[in-house]
Amino acid sequence: MKEGDLVELSSYGRKLVCIKEFINCLGVITWISPELANKLDYRVDWYKDGEVLKSKHRRKDLKLFKR
């Protein structure tokens, strides 16, 4: 994944209670951590009901959006 990619929650991410608000939302990766040791490596802008919600995620929480 790279900055600017459209993403959605992966099947693993959909099971997490802490990020359930992003289910069925579309997001754009806005920043990727350059450090490999950083746990939350991806910053995503989520678009939901005309609002933009910002959140950080691990790689396994996300998958590329496919039409």
Protein backbone atom coordinates (compact mmCIF):
# COMPACT_ATOMS: atom_id res chain seq x y z
CA MET A 1 0.00 0.00 0.00
CA LYS A 2 1.08 3.56 -0.61
CA GLU A 3 -0.17 7.05 0.17
CA GLY A 4 -3.30 7.95 -1.77
CA ASP A 5 -4.64 4.39 -2.01
CA LEU A 6 -8.33 3.78 -1.32
CA VAL A 7 -8.83 1.30 1.53
CA GLU A 8 -11.52 -0.40 3.58
CA LEU A 9 -11.40 -2.58 6.67
CA SER A 10 -10.14 -6.11 6.18
CA SER A 11 -12.04 -9.08 7.60
CA TYR A 12 -9.73 -8.92 10.64
CA GLY A 13 -10.43 -5.19 11.05
CA ARG A 14 -14.20 -5.73 10.88
CA LYS A 15 -13.97 -8.01 13.93
CA LEU A 16 -12.28 -5.37 16.11
CA VAL A 17 -14.70 -3.58 18.42
CA CYS A 18 -12.48 -0.49 18.75
CA ILE A 19 -12.81 0.43 15.04
CA LYS A 20 -16.34 -0.78 14.29
CA GLU A 21 -17.37 2.78 13.35
CA PHE A 22 -15.38 2.42 10.10
CA ILE A 23 -17.24 -0.65 8.80
CA ASN A 24 -18.64 0.03 5.29
CA CYS A 25 -16.59 3.26 5.03
CA LEU A 26 -14.08 4.22 2.39
CA GLY A 27 -10.71 5.63 3.41
CA VAL A 28 -7.62 7.20 1.86
CA ILE A 29 -4.13 6.54 3.20
CA THR A 30 -2.64 9.93 4.01
CA TRP A 31 0.59 8.96 5.78
CA ILE A 32 2.75 5.87 6.30
CA SER A 33 5.22 5.62 9.18
CA PRO A 34 8.84 5.34 8.03
CA GLU A 35 9.71 3.32 11.16
CA LEU A 36 9.20 -0.43 11.03
CA ALA A 37 8.83 -0.62 14.83
CA ASN A 38 5.82 1.71 14.88
CA LYS A 39 2.67 -0.30 15.69
CA LEU A 40 0.18 2.05 14.03
CA ASP A 41 1.91 2.56 10.69
CA TYR A 42 -0.95 3.89 8.52
CA ARG A 43 -2.92 7.12 8.98
CA VAL A 44 -6.25 6.98 7.16
CA ASP A 45 -8.87 9.63 6.43
CA TRP A 46 -12.23 7.86 6.55
CA TYR A 47 -15.25 9.31 4.72
CA LYS A 48 -18.57 8.64 6.45
CA ASP A 49 -21.84 10.53 5.97
CA GLY A 50 -20.11 13.64 4.58
CA GLU A 51 -17.60 13.78 7.44
CA VAL A 52 -13.88 13.05 7.46
CA LEU A 53 -12.65 10.95 10.40
CA LYS A 54 -8.91 10.50 10.93
CA SER A 55 -7.51 7.36 12.48
CA LYS A 56 -4.30 5.30 12.70
CA HIS A 57 -4.24 1.59 11.85
CA ARG A 58 -2.04 -1.45 11.53
CA ARG A 59 -1.54 -2.96 8.10
CA LYS A 60 -3.63 -6.03 8.87
CA ASP A 61 -6.66 -3.86 9.75
CA LEU A 62 -6.82 -2.60 6.14
CA LYS A 63 -7.20 -3.89 2.62
CA LEU A 64 -7.21 -2.16 -0.75
CA PHE A 65 -10.66 -1.14 -1.95
CA LYS A 66 -11.87 -3.05 -4.99
CA ARG A 67 -14.91 -1.93 -6.95
